[in-house]
Amino acid sequence: MVCAGRDFAAPRRHDKKAWSVVAAVLGEGLRYEGREPCGCGKEPKFRPRTRAQLRARRIAADRAGAPLAETLAWPDPYSPL
């Protein structure tokens, strides 16, 4: 069992596609944690929720030559701030 973080919202039990995305995120060593240890930051960080978002991040990692864990943590450019 892996601690996924305080901000983790589990997908439905039988949603294998969503669980595969969760497995990829946790496999890269990332957690669903938005709060800073000091308690000052309360915004959850972006993590992919769908296979399409995961696929786009993998393509971006290949193009940028960056590690996948780094590109998975990039903020989503289409989300409102």
N, C-alpha and C. Protein backbone atom coordinates (compact mmCIF):
# COMPACT_ATOMS: atom_id res chain seq x y z
N MET A 1 0.84 -1.17 0.00
CA MET A 1 0.00 0.00 0.00
C MET A 1 0.89 1.24 0.00
N VAL A 2 0.48 2.25 -0.77
CA VAL A 2 1.25 3.48 -0.92
C VAL A 2 0.41 4.64 -0.41
N CYS A 3 1.04 5.55 0.30
CA CYS A 3 0.35 6.76 0.73
C CYS A 3 0.31 7.72 -0.46
N ALA A 4 -0.89 8.01 -0.95
CA ALA A 4 -1.04 8.84 -2.14
C ALA A 4 -1.10 10.33 -1.82
N GLY A 5 -1.31 10.70 -0.57
CA GLY A 5 -1.35 12.10 -0.19
C GLY A 5 -2.71 12.52 0.32
N ARG A 6 -2.74 13.67 0.94
CA ARG A 6 -3.99 14.17 1.54
C ARG A 6 -5.05 14.56 0.52
N ASP A 7 -4.62 15.02 -0.65
CA ASP A 7 -5.57 15.50 -1.65
C ASP A 7 -5.98 14.43 -2.65
N PHE A 8 -5.68 13.17 -2.37
CA PHE A 8 -6.01 12.10 -3.30
C PHE A 8 -7.50 11.80 -3.24
N ALA A 9 -8.12 11.80 -4.41
CA ALA A 9 -9.53 11.41 -4.54
C ALA A 9 -9.56 10.14 -5.39
N ALA A 10 -9.88 9.04 -4.77
CA ALA A 10 -9.84 7.75 -5.46
C ALA A 10 -10.90 7.67 -6.54
N PRO A 11 -10.54 7.12 -7.70
CA PRO A 11 -11.56 6.89 -8.73
C PRO A 11 -12.46 5.73 -8.33
N ARG A 12 -13.49 5.52 -9.10
CA ARG A 12 -14.38 4.39 -8.81
C ARG A 12 -13.61 3.09 -8.87
N ARG A 13 -14.04 2.13 -8.11
CA ARG A 13 -13.31 0.88 -7.95
C ARG A 13 -13.06 0.15 -9.26
N HIS A 14 -14.01 0.14 -10.16
CA HIS A 14 -13.89 -0.64 -11.40
C HIS A 14 -13.42 0.19 -12.60
N ASP A 15 -13.01 1.43 -12.37
CA ASP A 15 -12.53 2.29 -13.45
C ASP A 15 -11.04 2.04 -13.67
N LYS A 16 -10.73 1.04 -14.48
CA LYS A 16 -9.35 0.61 -14.68
C LYS A 16 -8.51 1.68 -15.38
N LYS A 17 -9.13 2.46 -16.26
CA LYS A 17 -8.40 3.52 -16.95
C LYS A 17 -7.92 4.58 -15.96
N ALA A 18 -8.79 5.00 -15.07
CA ALA A 18 -8.41 6.02 -14.08
C ALA A 18 -7.36 5.48 -13.12
N TRP A 19 -7.48 4.23 -12.73
CA TRP A 19 -6.50 3.64 -11.83
C TRP A 19 -5.14 3.48 -12.51
N SER A 20 -5.13 3.28 -13.84
CA SER A 20 -3.84 3.19 -14.53
C SER A 20 -3.13 4.55 -14.52
N VAL A 21 -3.88 5.64 -14.57
CA VAL A 21 -3.29 6.98 -14.48
C VAL A 21 -2.74 7.21 -13.07
N VAL A 22 -3.50 6.81 -12.06
CA VAL A 22 -3.04 6.94 -10.68
C VAL A 22 -1.76 6.14 -10.48
N ALA A 23 -1.72 4.92 -11.03
CA ALA A 23 -0.53 4.07 -10.91
C ALA A 23 0.68 4.72 -11.59
N ALA A 24 0.47 5.37 -12.72
CA ALA A 24 1.58 6.03 -13.42
C ALA A 24 2.10 7.21 -12.61
N VAL A 25 1.20 7.99 -12.03
CA VAL A 25 1.60 9.15 -11.23
C VAL A 25 2.37 8.69 -9.99
N LEU A 26 1.82 7.72 -9.28
CA LEU A 26 2.49 7.23 -8.07
C LEU A 26 3.77 6.49 -8.42
N GLY A 27 3.81 5.84 -9.58
CA GLY A 27 5.01 5.14 -10.01
C GLY A 27 6.17 6.07 -10.29
N GLU A 28 5.87 7.31 -10.63
CA GLU A 28 6.92 8.31 -10.85
C GLU A 28 7.36 8.98 -9.55
N GLY A 29 6.78 8.56 -8.44
CA GLY A 29 7.19 9.10 -7.15
C GLY A 29 6.46 10.36 -6.73
N LEU A 30 5.39 10.72 -7.43
CA LEU A 30 4.62 11.91 -7.08
C LEU A 30 3.48 11.53 -6.15
N ARG A 31 3.01 12.52 -5.40
CA ARG A 31 1.87 12.31 -4.51
C ARG A 31 0.82 13.36 -4.81
N TYR A 32 -0.39 13.09 -4.39
CA TYR A 32 -1.49 14.04 -4.53
C TYR A 32 -1.51 14.89 -3.26
N GLU A 33 -0.55 15.79 -3.18
CA GLU A 33 -0.37 16.60 -1.99
C GLU A 33 -0.31 18.05 -2.42
N GLY A 34 -1.15 18.88 -1.84
CA GLY A 34 -1.15 20.28 -2.21
C GLY A 34 -0.70 21.18 -1.09
N ARG A 35 -0.77 20.70 0.12
CA ARG A 35 -0.41 21.53 1.26
C ARG A 35 1.10 21.46 1.50
N GLU A 36 1.66 22.59 1.78
CA GLU A 36 3.08 22.66 2.13
C GLU A 36 3.24 22.17 3.56
N PRO A 37 4.41 21.65 3.92
CA PRO A 37 4.63 21.20 5.30
C PRO A 37 4.40 22.29 6.34
N CYS A 38 4.65 23.54 5.95
CA CYS A 38 4.47 24.63 6.91
C CYS A 38 2.99 25.03 7.02
N GLY A 39 2.15 24.58 6.10
CA GLY A 39 0.73 24.89 6.16
C GLY A 39 0.34 26.15 5.42
N CYS A 40 1.29 26.82 4.77
CA CYS A 40 0.98 28.09 4.11
C CYS A 40 0.37 27.89 2.73
N GLY A 41 0.71 26.84 2.01
CA GLY A 41 0.15 26.60 0.69
C GLY A 41 -1.00 25.62 0.75
N LYS A 42 -2.16 26.01 0.24
CA LYS A 42 -3.33 25.14 0.34
C LYS A 42 -3.90 24.76 -1.00
N GLU A 43 -3.28 25.17 -2.10
CA GLU A 43 -3.76 24.83 -3.43
C GLU A 43 -3.22 23.47 -3.84
N PRO A 44 -4.09 22.54 -4.24
CA PRO A 44 -3.58 21.25 -4.70
C PRO A 44 -2.83 21.41 -6.01
N LYS A 45 -1.76 20.67 -6.15
CA LYS A 45 -0.96 20.72 -7.37
C LYS A 45 -1.64 19.89 -8.46
N PHE A 46 -1.35 20.22 -9.72
CA PHE A 46 -1.95 19.50 -10.83
C PHE A 46 -1.39 18.09 -10.92
N ARG A 47 -2.26 17.14 -11.13
CA ARG A 47 -1.91 15.77 -11.45
C ARG A 47 -2.87 15.31 -12.54
N PRO A 48 -2.40 14.57 -13.54
CA PRO A 48 -3.29 14.11 -14.61
C PRO A 48 -4.38 13.20 -14.06
N ARG A 49 -5.57 13.34 -14.63
CA ARG A 49 -6.71 12.52 -14.18
C ARG A 49 -7.18 11.56 -15.26
N THR A 50 -6.82 11.82 -16.51
CA THR A 50 -7.27 10.98 -17.61
C THR A 50 -6.07 10.46 -18.39
N ARG A 51 -6.32 9.43 -19.19
CA ARG A 51 -5.25 8.88 -20.02
C ARG A 51 -4.79 9.90 -21.06
N ALA A 52 -5.70 10.72 -21.55
CA ALA A 52 -5.34 11.73 -22.54
C ALA A 52 -4.36 12.75 -21.94
N GLN A 53 -4.61 13.17 -20.71
CA GLN A 53 -3.70 14.10 -20.04
C GLN A 53 -2.35 13.44 -19.80
N LEU A 54 -2.36 12.17 -19.40
CA LEU A 54 -1.11 11.43 -19.18
C LEU A 54 -0.34 11.28 -20.48
N ARG A 55 -1.04 10.96 -21.57
CA ARG A 55 -0.40 10.82 -22.88
C ARG A 55 0.22 12.14 -23.33
N ALA A 56 -0.49 13.24 -23.12
CA ALA A 56 0.03 14.56 -23.49
C ALA A 56 1.29 14.90 -22.69
N ARG A 57 1.31 14.55 -21.42
CA ARG A 57 2.48 14.81 -20.59
C ARG A 57 3.66 13.94 -21.01
N ARG A 58 3.40 12.70 -21.43
CA ARG A 58 4.48 11.84 -21.90
C ARG A 58 5.07 12.38 -23.20
N ILE A 59 4.23 12.88 -24.10
CA ILE A 59 4.71 13.47 -25.34
C ILE A 59 5.53 14.72 -25.03
N ALA A 60 5.05 15.55 -24.10
CA ALA A 60 5.79 16.75 -23.72
C ALA A 60 7.14 16.40 -23.11
N ALA A 61 7.19 15.33 -22.33
CA ALA A 61 8.46 14.90 -21.72
C ALA A 61 9.44 14.46 -22.79
N ASP A 62 8.94 13.73 -23.79
CA ASP A 62 9.82 13.29 -24.88
C ASP A 62 10.34 14.48 -25.68
N ARG A 63 9.47 15.43 -25.99
CA ARG A 63 9.87 16.59 -26.78
C ARG A 63 10.83 17.50 -26.03
N ALA A 64 10.60 17.67 -24.74
CA ALA A 64 11.44 18.57 -23.94
C ALA A 64 12.71 17.89 -23.44
N GLY A 65 12.73 16.58 -23.50
CA GLY A 65 13.87 15.85 -22.96
C GLY A 65 13.92 15.89 -21.45
N ALA A 66 12.77 16.13 -20.83
CA ALA A 66 12.68 16.23 -19.38
C ALA A 66 12.17 14.90 -18.80
N PRO A 67 12.46 14.64 -17.54
CA PRO A 67 11.92 13.43 -16.92
C PRO A 67 10.40 13.48 -16.83
N LEU A 68 9.77 12.32 -16.91
CA LEU A 68 8.30 12.26 -16.87
C LEU A 68 7.76 12.80 -15.55
N ALA A 69 8.43 12.52 -14.45
CA ALA A 69 7.96 13.02 -13.15
C ALA A 69 7.89 14.54 -13.13
N GLU A 70 8.83 15.19 -13.80
CA GLU A 70 8.84 16.65 -13.84
C GLU A 70 7.68 17.17 -14.68
N THR A 71 7.42 16.55 -15.82
CA THR A 71 6.33 17.03 -16.68
C THR A 71 4.96 16.71 -16.11
N LEU A 72 4.85 15.65 -15.33
CA LEU A 72 3.57 15.35 -14.69
C LEU A 72 3.21 16.40 -13.65
N ALA A 73 4.21 17.05 -13.09
CA ALA A 73 3.99 18.06 -12.06
C ALA A 73 3.80 19.46 -12.61
N TRP A 74 4.02 19.66 -13.92
CA TRP A 74 3.81 20.99 -14.51
C TRP A 74 2.37 21.44 -14.31
N PRO A 75 2.13 22.71 -14.05
CA PRO A 75 0.75 23.18 -13.92
C PRO A 75 0.01 23.09 -15.25
N ASP A 76 -1.28 22.87 -15.17
CA ASP A 76 -2.11 22.75 -16.36
C ASP A 76 -2.33 24.13 -16.96
N PRO A 77 -1.96 24.35 -18.22
CA PRO A 77 -2.11 25.70 -18.80
C PRO A 77 -3.56 26.09 -19.05
N TYR A 78 -4.47 25.13 -19.05
CA TYR A 78 -5.86 25.43 -19.38
C TYR A 78 -6.74 25.58 -18.14
N SER A 79 -6.20 25.38 -16.96
CA SER A 79 -7.02 25.53 -15.77
C SER A 79 -7.00 26.98 -15.30
N PRO A 80 -8.12 27.45 -14.76
CA PRO A 80 -8.15 28.83 -14.26
C PRO A 80 -7.27 28.95 -13.02
N LEU A 81 -6.64 30.08 -12.88
CA LEU A 81 -5.75 30.30 -11.72
C LEU A 81 -6.49 30.72 -10.52
